[in-house]
Amino acid sequence: MSILKKRTHKAGSLYTRYIRIFFSAEIISLVVFGILMPFFLNTLWEDEQKQKLYDYTQNIAQVYQEYIHAQSADDANAFSMLCYAVGSASKASKADIFIANVSGNVIFCGHMAENNDMQNLSMTCQEHSGMQIPGEITTGIITDGMMATIGNPGGYFEEDCFIAACVSRQSYDSDADAIVFATQNYKTGLAPHRANFIRIYVLAAIGFIAITGLVVYLLTYNLVEVIRDMAEAAKRYSKGDFSYRIRMQDRRSVREFDELSAEINSMAESLEQLENSRANFVANVSHELKTPMTTIGGFIDGILDGTIRDEDRDYYLQIVSDEVKRLSRLVVSMLNMSKMEAGELKINPSEFDLTRQIVGIFIGFEQKINIKKINVEGLDSLSKVYIEADPDMINQVFYNLIDNAVKFTQPGGNILLSMYIQENNVIVHIRNTGKGIKDEDLDHVFERFYKGDKSRGLDAKSAGLGLFIVKNIVELHGGEISVSNVEDKYTQFTVSLKINFSDD
């Protein structure tokens, strides 16, 4: 027992394990997503950054053309406006924007406006002085009309960077006047991008974990509550308490759990009925066996010890014989009942005259019928009806029904027998006058050990198995049996049997 407890404690509850597995899977997913996502985002960011720098170069190229036109008109402010535009674009884009001639020499940049008085601008820049763009780069740009790339073409720049370039022309067909460059160190631009991504990702991950954690907590708790309820039910059932039911109301659950709960409750009801039936079976069998055995034992002891006189011995021995026969019938009935419930009762069908069999059974009850002066009607109007069934079993069916009819018909009463064929079935009605069956007992007459006469008066020697066995035999033959009743007037049993047992 202690080992089991240790194992259970070590394994932990389903709820804890489910939460732990979920959060582990969620964290692993977030980590994998956090590792892979930057590769996809970097590609988008690089394309966006290259396009942005290229747009700046186009704008500066347009400003440069305006400068060319203003210069031809001898506009003194054109140069300062160009430098100012280049400087502003450099600050806005956080890139180094400059203009080079077709030979690759830098002729304008934003530093010229920063390092000089706007009224006395110099045409030189310390940072770009002596800077010479390689001919293969300028030639390629002039040929293609633009450049937008990442790297260090020709090894000219110190580190990999974003490079965007746009050719400035007076018209579409004219030669290039200059080339506008925009460069930005790759690592310098990447740093704020990564910082933004990490900040947004961390906040999103925390929010995601919090929201999904709350949802999973509620759902998991609900599911585990159902499982705990099922475990409690199983624990009680194992101890023989079948009264516990899994709660179905006021609880949100998934359809599968609801269906499983309903099935378990249905199973519990069946087990409870079976247990009650078993207890009733034991009690009834004990009673039915005890009564005749007590009678037999008492009379035999009386004969042996001389309490019963010799002249009365035959009378009491006859009672003992009747009780032994009663015990024998009870044992046979219980054996048949057990075989029926186990599906072991074999049917040996053969063709026989059902009318002749029923008439023969009535003849066997002739003495009892005459003693009670019962009027039997319908026998003279019966025609021969041949059916395919087990003769012995069908004989037991009608013997029990006729025995009940004779037993419960009041003296001077009537028994009415009718039989007719309907399609492939023969229908037999056996009606007897008398007190009938109480309405509350009508639905239970075919249950085993059930006796409607609680006083055990007319049916004192019945074990309550006859109609139960009758119903099972009829159903084994694919037939049906029913009972109808009018209290204080009559009771009628109706049996429907197939003429050909082999037909479906």
Protein backbone atom coordinates (compact mmCIF):
# COMPACT_ATOMS: atom_id res chain seq x y z
CA MET A 1 0.00 0.00 0.00
CA SER A 2 2.81 2.40 0.86
CA ILE A 3 4.53 1.66 -2.45
CA LEU A 4 1.33 2.51 -4.31
CA LYS A 5 1.05 5.81 -2.45
CA LYS A 6 4.64 6.71 -3.24
CA ARG A 7 4.13 5.98 -6.91
CA THR A 8 0.94 8.00 -6.99
CA HIS A 9 2.61 10.94 -5.28
CA LYS A 10 5.59 10.76 -7.61
CA ALA A 11 3.41 10.68 -10.69
CA GLY A 12 1.49 13.76 -9.58
CA SER A 13 -2.08 14.67 -10.40
CA LEU A 14 -3.37 14.74 -13.95
CA TYR A 15 -4.10 18.44 -13.59
CA THR A 16 -0.48 19.26 -12.57
CA ARG A 17 0.98 17.11 -15.32
CA TYR A 18 -1.32 18.58 -17.94
CA ILE A 19 -0.43 22.15 -16.95
CA ARG A 20 3.28 21.33 -16.84
CA ILE A 21 3.21 19.67 -20.25
CA PHE A 22 1.22 22.54 -21.75
CA PHE A 23 3.50 25.26 -20.47
CA SER A 24 6.61 23.27 -21.46
CA ALA A 25 5.26 22.87 -24.98
CA GLU A 26 4.26 26.54 -25.07
CA ILE A 27 7.68 27.78 -23.91
CA ILE A 28 9.49 25.49 -26.36
CA SER A 29 7.24 26.75 -29.16
CA LEU A 30 7.91 30.36 -28.20
CA VAL A 31 11.67 29.75 -28.09
CA VAL A 32 11.66 28.05 -31.49
CA PHE A 33 9.45 30.82 -32.85
CA GLY A 34 11.77 33.44 -31.35
CA ILE A 35 14.76 31.82 -33.03
CA LEU A 36 13.21 31.32 -36.45
CA MET A 37 11.12 34.46 -36.70
CA PRO A 38 14.04 36.95 -36.91
CA PHE A 39 15.27 35.27 -40.09
CA PHE A 40 11.93 35.93 -41.78
CA LEU A 41 11.60 39.40 -40.28
CA ASN A 42 15.18 40.34 -41.24
CA THR A 43 14.44 39.61 -44.85
CA LEU A 44 11.39 41.87 -44.77
CA TRP A 45 13.30 44.54 -42.86
CA GLU A 46 16.25 44.45 -45.30
CA ASP A 47 13.94 44.81 -48.30
CA GLU A 48 12.14 47.67 -46.59
CA GLN A 49 15.41 49.38 -45.63
CA LYS A 50 16.83 49.10 -49.14
CA GLN A 51 13.63 50.50 -50.62
CA LYS A 52 13.60 53.38 -48.12
CA LEU A 53 17.20 54.37 -48.90
CA TYR A 54 16.52 54.09 -52.62
CA ASP A 55 13.50 56.43 -52.23
CA TYR A 56 15.78 58.97 -50.51
CA THR A 57 18.27 58.82 -53.37
CA GLN A 58 15.45 59.45 -55.87
CA ASN A 59 14.30 62.50 -53.94
CA ILE A 60 17.85 63.90 -53.74
CA ALA A 61 18.33 63.22 -57.45
CA GLN A 62 15.28 65.36 -58.16
CA VAL A 63 16.63 68.13 -55.88
CA TYR A 64 19.96 67.91 -57.70
CA GLN A 65 18.25 68.46 -61.06
CA GLU A 66 16.55 71.54 -59.62
CA TYR A 67 19.98 72.69 -58.47
CA ILE A 68 21.36 72.23 -62.02
CA HIS A 69 18.56 74.35 -63.49
CA ALA A 70 18.95 77.02 -60.78
CA GLN A 71 22.70 77.13 -61.32
CA SER A 72 22.20 77.83 -64.99
CA ALA A 73 19.97 80.73 -63.96
CA ASP A 74 22.75 82.01 -61.70
CA ASP A 75 20.81 81.32 -58.47
CA ALA A 76 23.22 81.92 -55.57
CA ASN A 77 21.06 80.02 -53.05
CA ALA A 78 20.84 76.80 -55.11
CA PHE A 79 24.01 75.30 -53.66
CA SER A 80 23.05 75.92 -50.03
CA MET A 81 19.57 74.50 -50.63
CA LEU A 82 21.06 71.33 -52.15
CA CYS A 83 23.43 70.82 -49.24
CA TYR A 84 20.62 71.43 -46.78
CA ALA A 85 18.39 68.88 -48.55
CA VAL A 86 21.17 66.26 -48.54
CA GLY A 87 21.93 66.93 -44.87
CA SER A 88 18.27 66.69 -43.83
CA ALA A 89 17.81 63.44 -45.73
CA SER A 90 20.96 62.01 -44.09
CA LYS A 91 19.63 62.80 -40.61
CA ALA A 92 16.15 61.48 -41.35
CA SER A 93 17.39 58.20 -42.82
CA LYS A 94 20.36 57.87 -40.44
CA ALA A 95 22.43 57.17 -43.53
CA ASP A 96 25.35 58.80 -45.29
CA ILE A 97 23.86 60.45 -48.40
CA PHE A 98 26.20 62.07 -50.92
CA ILE A 99 26.40 62.90 -54.60
CA ALA A 100 29.24 61.78 -56.84
CA ASN A 101 29.98 62.64 -60.43
CA VAL A 102 30.13 59.98 -63.10
CA SER A 103 33.86 59.61 -62.41
CA GLY A 104 33.18 58.58 -58.83
CA ASN A 105 34.31 61.80 -57.05
CA VAL A 106 32.09 63.14 -54.25
CA ILE A 107 30.78 66.58 -55.14
CA PHE A 108 28.03 67.16 -52.55
CA CYS A 109 27.18 65.79 -49.09
CA GLY A 110 25.28 66.78 -45.98
CA HIS A 111 28.50 67.47 -44.05
CA MET A 112 29.19 70.52 -46.18
CA ALA A 113 26.19 72.24 -44.57
CA GLU A 114 27.08 71.02 -41.06
CA ASN A 115 30.74 72.06 -41.12
CA ASN A 116 30.36 75.48 -42.86
CA ASP A 117 28.46 78.69 -42.54
CA MET A 118 25.43 78.64 -44.76
CA GLN A 119 26.44 82.01 -46.14
CA ASN A 120 29.94 80.87 -46.99
CA LEU A 121 29.75 77.18 -47.94
CA SER A 122 32.81 75.31 -48.98
CA MET A 123 32.89 72.79 -51.78
CA THR A 124 35.02 70.38 -49.75
CA CYS A 125 34.23 67.86 -47.00
CA GLN A 126 36.78 66.32 -44.66
CA GLU A 127 34.92 62.99 -44.48
CA HIS A 128 34.53 62.55 -48.21
CA SER A 129 37.67 64.32 -49.38
CA GLY A 130 39.72 62.07 -51.57
CA MET A 131 36.86 59.58 -51.78
CA GLN A 132 36.78 57.82 -55.11
CA ILE A 133 34.03 55.37 -56.03
CA PRO A 134 35.52 52.54 -58.13
CA GLY A 135 34.74 52.68 -61.82
CA GLU A 136 33.18 49.23 -61.90
CA ILE A 137 30.59 50.39 -59.34
CA THR A 138 29.71 53.65 -61.10
CA THR A 139 29.62 51.93 -64.47
CA GLY A 140 27.22 49.28 -63.18
CA ILE A 141 24.96 51.92 -61.61
CA ILE A 142 24.88 54.05 -64.76
CA THR A 143 24.13 50.96 -66.84
CA ASP A 144 21.31 49.72 -64.58
CA GLY A 145 20.09 53.14 -63.56
CA MET A 146 20.07 52.21 -59.87
CA MET A 147 21.48 50.01 -57.14
CA ALA A 148 19.92 48.58 -53.95
CA THR A 149 21.97 45.93 -52.22
CA ILE A 150 23.63 44.79 -49.00
CA GLY A 151 27.32 44.07 -48.83
CA ASN A 152 30.66 45.59 -49.68
CA PRO A 153 30.98 45.68 -53.46
CA GLY A 154 34.59 45.73 -54.59
CA GLY A 155 35.69 45.81 -50.93
CA TYR A 156 35.52 49.59 -51.08
CA PHE A 157 33.59 50.12 -47.83
CA GLU A 158 34.96 49.19 -44.42
CA GLU A 159 32.01 46.89 -43.44
CA ASP A 160 28.92 45.39 -44.96
CA CYS A 161 26.28 48.03 -45.38
CA PHE A 162 23.08 48.96 -47.12
CA ILE A 163 23.88 50.62 -50.43
CA ALA A 164 21.31 52.44 -52.55
CA ALA A 165 22.14 54.53 -55.57
CA CYS A 166 20.15 56.43 -58.16
CA VAL A 167 21.38 58.05 -61.42
CA SER A 168 20.47 61.73 -61.85
CA ARG A 169 19.56 62.75 -65.43
CA GLN A 170 18.00 65.82 -66.92
CA SER A 171 15.73 63.61 -68.99
CA TYR A 172 15.11 59.92 -69.53
CA ASP A 173 17.27 59.76 -72.66
CA SER A 174 20.07 62.12 -71.54
CA ASP A 175 23.41 61.08 -70.13
CA ALA A 176 23.95 60.77 -66.38
CA ASP A 177 24.79 64.01 -64.60
CA ALA A 178 25.64 62.45 -61.26
CA ILE A 179 25.00 59.48 -58.98
CA VAL A 180 23.24 59.86 -55.63
CA PHE A 181 24.45 57.40 -52.99
CA ALA A 182 22.93 56.45 -49.64
CA THR A 183 24.89 54.09 -47.40
CA GLN A 184 24.13 52.79 -43.93
CA ASN A 185 26.16 50.44 -41.76
CA TYR A 186 24.28 47.13 -41.59
CA LYS A 187 24.96 46.51 -37.90
CA THR A 188 24.06 50.07 -36.95
CA GLY A 189 20.67 49.76 -38.66
CA LEU A 190 20.10 46.22 -37.36
CA ALA A 191 20.57 47.09 -33.68
CA PRO A 192 17.38 49.18 -33.22
CA HIS A 193 15.45 46.73 -35.39
CA ARG A 194 16.44 43.82 -33.15
CA ALA A 195 15.74 45.84 -30.01
CA ASN A 196 12.22 46.63 -31.24
CA PHE A 197 11.63 43.02 -32.19
CA ILE A 198 12.84 41.72 -28.82
CA ARG A 199 10.71 44.23 -26.92
CA ILE A 200 7.57 43.49 -28.91
CA TYR A 201 8.20 39.73 -28.83
CA VAL A 202 8.74 39.62 -25.06
CA LEU A 203 5.59 41.65 -24.39
CA ALA A 204 3.57 39.51 -26.82
CA ALA A 205 4.95 36.29 -25.33
CA ILE A 206 4.09 37.38 -21.78
CA GLY A 207 0.59 38.34 -22.85
CA PHE A 208 0.17 35.13 -24.80
CA ILE A 209 1.32 32.96 -21.90
CA ALA A 210 -0.90 34.83 -19.45
CA ILE A 211 -4.06 34.63 -21.58
CA THR A 212 -3.60 31.05 -22.79
CA GLY A 213 -2.49 30.00 -19.32
CA LEU A 214 -5.71 31.33 -17.83
CA VAL A 215 -7.82 29.65 -20.54
CA VAL A 216 -5.98 26.35 -20.17
CA TYR A 217 -6.26 26.58 -16.39
CA LEU A 218 -10.03 26.92 -16.59
CA LEU A 219 -10.45 24.24 -19.26
CA THR A 220 -8.04 21.83 -17.60
CA TYR A 221 -9.62 22.28 -14.20
CA ASN A 222 -13.01 21.59 -15.75
CA LEU A 223 -11.81 18.45 -17.54
CA VAL A 224 -9.95 17.17 -14.50
CA GLU A 225 -13.05 17.77 -12.39
CA VAL A 226 -14.96 15.40 -14.65
CA ILE A 227 -12.19 12.79 -14.44
CA ARG A 228 -12.06 13.13 -10.66
CA ASP A 229 -15.80 12.60 -10.59
CA MET A 230 -15.37 9.47 -12.71
CA ALA A 231 -12.57 8.23 -10.44
CA GLU A 232 -14.79 8.73 -7.40
CA ALA A 233 -17.56 6.81 -9.17
CA ALA A 234 -15.19 3.93 -10.03
CA LYS A 235 -13.92 3.84 -6.43
CA ARG A 236 -17.45 3.56 -5.05
CA TYR A 237 -18.49 0.98 -7.62
CA SER A 238 -15.49 -1.16 -6.69
CA LYS A 239 -16.79 -1.17 -3.11
CA GLY A 240 -20.26 -2.21 -4.19
CA ASP A 241 -21.91 1.21 -3.88
CA PHE A 242 -23.74 1.70 -7.19
CA SER A 243 -25.87 4.63 -5.99
CA TYR A 244 -23.25 7.28 -6.92
CA ARG A 245 -23.89 9.19 -10.16
CA ILE A 246 -21.57 11.49 -12.08
CA ARG A 247 -22.90 15.03 -12.01
CA MET A 248 -24.18 16.28 -15.35
CA GLN A 249 -25.86 19.60 -14.49
CA ASP A 250 -24.36 23.09 -14.07
CA ARG A 251 -21.02 22.15 -15.61
CA ARG A 252 -19.44 23.05 -18.91
CA SER A 253 -17.80 20.11 -20.56
CA VAL A 254 -16.97 18.60 -23.91
CA ARG A 255 -19.45 16.36 -25.65
CA GLU A 256 -17.27 13.25 -25.34
CA PHE A 257 -17.05 13.60 -21.56
CA ASP A 258 -20.80 14.17 -21.32
CA GLU A 259 -21.44 11.05 -23.37
CA LEU A 260 -18.96 9.04 -21.28
CA SER A 261 -20.52 10.32 -18.05
CA ALA A 262 -23.98 9.37 -19.31
CA GLU A 263 -22.74 5.88 -20.26
CA ILE A 264 -21.09 5.39 -16.84
CA ASN A 265 -24.27 6.50 -15.09
CA SER A 266 -26.27 4.13 -17.26
CA MET A 267 -23.82 1.34 -16.43
CA ALA A 268 -24.17 2.14 -12.72
CA GLU A 269 -27.95 1.91 -12.97
CA SER A 270 -27.64 -1.46 -14.69
CA LEU A 271 -25.17 -2.69 -12.07
CA GLU A 272 -27.43 -1.43 -9.29
CA GLN A 273 -30.40 -3.25 -10.81
CA LEU A 274 -28.27 -6.37 -11.28
CA GLU A 275 -27.07 -6.20 -7.68
CA ASN A 276 -30.62 -5.75 -6.42
CA SER A 277 -31.73 -8.59 -8.65
CA ARG A 278 -28.92 -10.79 -7.30
CA ALA A 279 -29.83 -9.95 -3.71
CA ASN A 280 -33.51 -10.64 -4.42
CA PHE A 281 -32.55 -13.85 -6.20
CA VAL A 282 -30.59 -15.11 -3.20
CA ALA A 283 -33.36 -14.09 -0.80
CA ASN A 284 -36.09 -15.69 -2.91
CA VAL A 285 -34.16 -18.89 -3.56
CA SER A 286 -33.35 -19.14 0.13
CA HIS A 287 -37.02 -18.72 1.00
CA GLU A 288 -38.28 -21.08 -1.69
CA LEU A 289 -35.82 -23.78 -0.60
CA LYS A 290 -36.23 -23.24 3.10
CA THR A 291 -40.03 -23.63 3.20
CA PRO A 292 -40.30 -27.14 1.64
CA MET A 293 -37.12 -28.32 3.35
CA THR A 294 -38.53 -27.24 6.73
CA THR A 295 -41.76 -29.08 5.97
CA ILE A 296 -39.92 -32.20 4.83
CA GLY A 297 -37.56 -32.16 7.82
CA GLY A 298 -40.37 -31.61 10.32
CA PHE A 299 -42.55 -34.44 9.04
CA ILE A 300 -39.64 -36.89 8.73
CA ASP A 301 -38.49 -36.08 12.26
CA GLY A 302 -42.07 -36.56 13.45
CA ILE A 303 -42.22 -40.00 11.80
CA LEU A 304 -38.83 -41.02 13.21
CA ASP A 305 -39.47 -39.92 16.79
CA GLY A 306 -43.01 -41.30 16.84
CA THR A 307 -44.80 -37.98 17.09
CA ILE A 308 -46.78 -38.87 13.94
CA ARG A 309 -48.94 -41.93 14.45
CA ASP A 310 -48.50 -44.97 12.20
CA GLU A 311 -51.99 -44.62 10.73
CA ASP A 312 -51.14 -41.01 9.65
CA ARG A 313 -47.73 -41.87 8.24
CA ASP A 314 -48.87 -42.35 4.62
CA TYR A 315 -50.65 -39.00 4.64
CA TYR A 316 -47.58 -37.10 5.78
CA LEU A 317 -45.28 -39.10 3.53
CA GLN A 318 -47.44 -37.97 0.60
CA ILE A 319 -46.93 -34.36 1.72
CA VAL A 320 -43.17 -34.99 1.89
CA SER A 321 -43.30 -36.49 -1.62
CA ASP A 322 -45.18 -33.45 -2.95
CA GLU A 323 -42.64 -31.10 -1.37
CA VAL A 324 -39.75 -33.09 -2.86
CA LYS A 325 -41.39 -32.80 -6.29
CA ARG A 326 -41.84 -29.09 -5.67
CA LEU A 327 -38.15 -28.78 -4.83
CA SER A 328 -37.30 -30.73 -7.99
CA ARG A 329 -39.43 -28.40 -10.13
CA LEU A 330 -37.83 -25.37 -8.49
CA VAL A 331 -34.32 -26.66 -9.15
CA VAL A 332 -35.20 -27.46 -12.78
CA SER A 333 -36.72 -23.99 -13.22
CA MET A 334 -33.62 -22.31 -11.80
CA LEU A 335 -31.36 -24.43 -13.99
CA ASN A 336 -33.39 -23.47 -17.05
CA MET A 337 -33.31 -19.83 -16.00
CA SER A 338 -29.52 -19.95 -15.61
CA LYS A 339 -29.13 -21.57 -19.02
CA MET A 340 -31.37 -18.93 -20.61
CA GLU A 341 -29.42 -16.04 -19.09
CA ALA A 342 -26.12 -17.67 -20.09
CA GLY A 343 -27.40 -18.33 -23.63
CA GLU A 344 -26.80 -22.06 -23.22
CA LEU A 345 -30.38 -23.28 -23.65
CA LYS A 346 -30.50 -25.24 -26.91
CA ILE A 347 -33.57 -25.34 -29.13
CA ASN A 348 -34.33 -28.59 -30.98
CA PRO A 349 -37.04 -27.59 -33.47
CA SER A 350 -39.33 -30.10 -35.14
CA GLU A 351 -42.76 -29.94 -36.77
CA PHE A 352 -45.74 -30.83 -34.57
CA ASP A 353 -49.47 -30.10 -34.17
CA LEU A 354 -49.78 -27.21 -31.71
CA THR A 355 -53.56 -27.70 -31.38
CA ARG A 356 -53.16 -31.31 -30.31
CA GLN A 357 -50.52 -30.32 -27.76
CA ILE A 358 -52.70 -27.63 -26.17
CA VAL A 359 -55.75 -29.94 -26.05
CA GLY A 360 -53.58 -32.61 -24.40
CA ILE A 361 -52.50 -30.14 -21.71
CA PHE A 362 -56.13 -29.25 -20.95
CA ILE A 363 -56.96 -32.96 -20.66
CA GLY A 364 -54.19 -33.26 -18.07
CA PHE A 365 -55.93 -30.58 -15.97
CA GLU A 366 -59.35 -32.23 -16.37
CA GLN A 367 -59.60 -33.30 -12.71
CA LYS A 368 -58.82 -29.80 -11.36
CA ILE A 369 -61.17 -28.24 -13.92
CA ASN A 370 -64.01 -30.54 -12.87
CA ILE A 371 -63.41 -29.93 -9.16
CA LYS A 372 -63.68 -26.13 -9.65
CA LYS A 373 -66.50 -26.59 -12.21
CA ILE A 374 -64.71 -24.38 -14.73
CA ASN A 375 -66.25 -24.00 -18.17
CA VAL A 376 -63.63 -24.29 -20.93
CA GLU A 377 -64.65 -22.71 -24.23
CA GLY A 378 -63.02 -22.78 -27.67
CA LEU A 379 -61.46 -26.25 -27.69
CA ASP A 380 -64.10 -27.68 -30.04
CA SER A 381 -63.56 -24.92 -32.63
CA LEU A 382 -59.77 -25.34 -32.95
CA SER A 383 -58.24 -26.50 -36.23
CA LYS A 384 -54.97 -28.30 -36.67
CA VAL A 385 -52.00 -25.94 -36.79
CA TYR A 386 -48.55 -27.34 -37.48
CA ILE A 387 -45.58 -25.24 -36.37
CA GLU A 388 -41.83 -25.75 -36.36
CA ALA A 389 -40.50 -25.31 -32.79
CA ASP A 390 -39.10 -27.20 -29.81
CA PRO A 391 -42.11 -29.35 -28.67
CA ASP A 392 -40.90 -29.73 -25.07
CA MET A 393 -40.29 -26.00 -24.59
CA ILE A 394 -43.58 -24.98 -26.17
CA ASN A 395 -45.32 -27.57 -23.99
CA GLN A 396 -43.77 -25.90 -20.94
CA VAL A 397 -45.05 -22.51 -22.15
CA PHE A 398 -48.69 -23.55 -22.49
CA TYR A 399 -48.57 -25.82 -19.44
CA ASN A 400 -47.60 -22.83 -17.28
CA LEU A 401 -50.21 -20.55 -18.86
CA ILE A 402 -53.03 -23.12 -18.56
CA ASP A 403 -51.91 -24.00 -15.02
CA ASN A 404 -52.17 -20.31 -14.06
CA ALA A 405 -55.54 -20.01 -15.79
CA VAL A 406 -56.96 -23.00 -13.90
CA LYS A 407 -55.38 -21.89 -10.60
CA PHE A 408 -56.68 -18.31 -10.69
CA THR A 409 -60.14 -18.91 -12.19
CA GLN A 410 -62.83 -18.69 -9.53
CA PRO A 411 -65.08 -21.76 -9.07
CA GLY A 412 -67.72 -21.82 -11.77
CA GLY A 413 -65.70 -19.42 -13.91
CA ASN A 414 -64.72 -19.59 -17.57
CA ILE A 415 -61.54 -20.21 -19.54
CA LEU A 416 -61.68 -19.10 -23.18
CA LEU A 417 -59.16 -20.40 -25.72
CA SER A 418 -58.83 -18.98 -29.24
CA MET A 419 -56.20 -19.56 -31.93
CA TYR A 420 -55.77 -18.20 -35.45
CA ILE A 421 -53.09 -17.70 -38.09
CA GLN A 422 -51.85 -14.24 -39.05
CA GLU A 423 -49.29 -14.16 -41.88
CA ASN A 424 -46.47 -16.49 -40.73
CA ASN A 425 -47.53 -16.43 -37.07
CA VAL A 426 -50.00 -18.38 -34.99
CA ILE A 427 -51.73 -16.29 -32.33
CA VAL A 428 -53.04 -18.00 -29.17
CA HIS A 429 -55.27 -16.25 -26.59
CA ILE A 430 -55.89 -17.81 -23.16
CA ARG A 431 -58.43 -15.83 -21.11
CA ASN A 432 -59.67 -16.73 -17.66
CA THR A 433 -62.22 -14.99 -15.48
CA GLY A 434 -61.36 -14.05 -11.91
CA LYS A 435 -59.90 -11.25 -9.84
CA GLY A 436 -57.35 -10.48 -12.52
CA ILE A 437 -54.03 -8.78 -11.93
CA LYS A 438 -53.64 -5.46 -10.17
CA ASP A 439 -52.69 -2.62 -12.47
CA GLU A 440 -49.46 -1.90 -10.54
CA ASP A 441 -48.40 -5.54 -10.98
CA LEU A 442 -49.19 -5.84 -14.68
CA ASP A 443 -45.76 -4.61 -15.90
CA HIS A 444 -43.90 -7.02 -13.58
CA VAL A 445 -45.62 -10.36 -14.17
CA PHE A 446 -42.79 -11.62 -16.43
CA GLU A 447 -40.01 -10.75 -13.96
CA ARG A 448 -38.33 -13.60 -12.14
CA PHE A 449 -39.46 -14.31 -8.57
CA TYR A 450 -42.19 -11.71 -8.90
CA LYS A 451 -45.47 -12.51 -7.17
CA GLY A 452 -48.40 -10.17 -7.41
CA ASP A 453 -50.19 -11.93 -4.57
CA LYS A 454 -48.24 -10.50 -1.63
CA SER A 455 -50.27 -12.59 0.81
CA ARG A 456 -49.00 -15.73 -0.97
CA GLY A 457 -52.49 -17.14 -0.81
CA LEU A 458 -53.52 -18.63 -4.15
CA ASP A 459 -49.91 -18.79 -5.28
CA ALA A 460 -48.27 -19.93 -2.07
CA LYS A 461 -46.37 -22.78 -3.70
CA SER A 462 -45.17 -20.80 -6.72
CA ALA A 463 -41.54 -19.71 -6.97
CA GLY A 464 -42.37 -16.83 -9.29
CA LEU A 465 -40.30 -18.27 -12.14
CA GLY A 466 -43.00 -19.70 -14.40
CA LEU A 467 -43.89 -16.61 -16.44
CA PHE A 468 -40.26 -15.49 -16.53
CA ILE A 469 -39.31 -18.81 -18.16
CA VAL A 470 -42.35 -18.69 -20.45
CA LYS A 471 -41.38 -15.27 -21.77
CA ASN A 472 -37.77 -16.33 -22.41
CA ILE A 473 -38.82 -19.51 -24.25
CA VAL A 474 -41.25 -17.58 -26.47
CA GLU A 475 -38.57 -14.98 -27.27
CA LEU A 476 -36.01 -17.70 -27.99
CA HIS A 477 -38.40 -18.90 -30.70
CA GLY A 478 -38.65 -15.39 -32.13
CA GLY A 479 -42.16 -14.91 -30.78
CA GLU A 480 -43.89 -12.49 -28.44
CA ILE A 481 -46.03 -12.78 -25.32
CA SER A 482 -48.21 -10.12 -23.69
CA VAL A 483 -50.81 -9.82 -20.98
CA SER A 484 -53.99 -7.75 -20.76
CA ASN A 485 -56.25 -7.43 -17.80
CA VAL A 486 -59.47 -6.00 -16.37
CA GLU A 487 -59.52 -6.22 -12.59
CA ASP A 488 -62.28 -8.41 -11.11
CA LYS A 489 -63.22 -9.56 -14.61
CA TYR A 490 -60.52 -11.40 -16.53
CA THR A 491 -56.83 -11.85 -17.41
CA GLN A 492 -55.69 -12.71 -20.93
CA PHE A 493 -52.29 -13.93 -22.11
CA THR A 494 -51.50 -13.67 -25.83
CA VAL A 495 -48.73 -15.77 -27.40
CA SER A 496 -47.47 -15.18 -30.95
CA LEU A 497 -45.24 -17.90 -32.45
CA LYS A 498 -43.75 -18.25 -35.89
CA ILE A 499 -45.11 -21.15 -37.87
CA ASN A 500 -41.71 -21.74 -39.45
CA PHE A 501 -38.99 -21.28 -36.84
CA SER A 502 -36.23 -21.16 -39.50
CA ASP A 503 -37.75 -18.07 -41.19
CA ASP A 504 -36.38 -14.69 -40.16
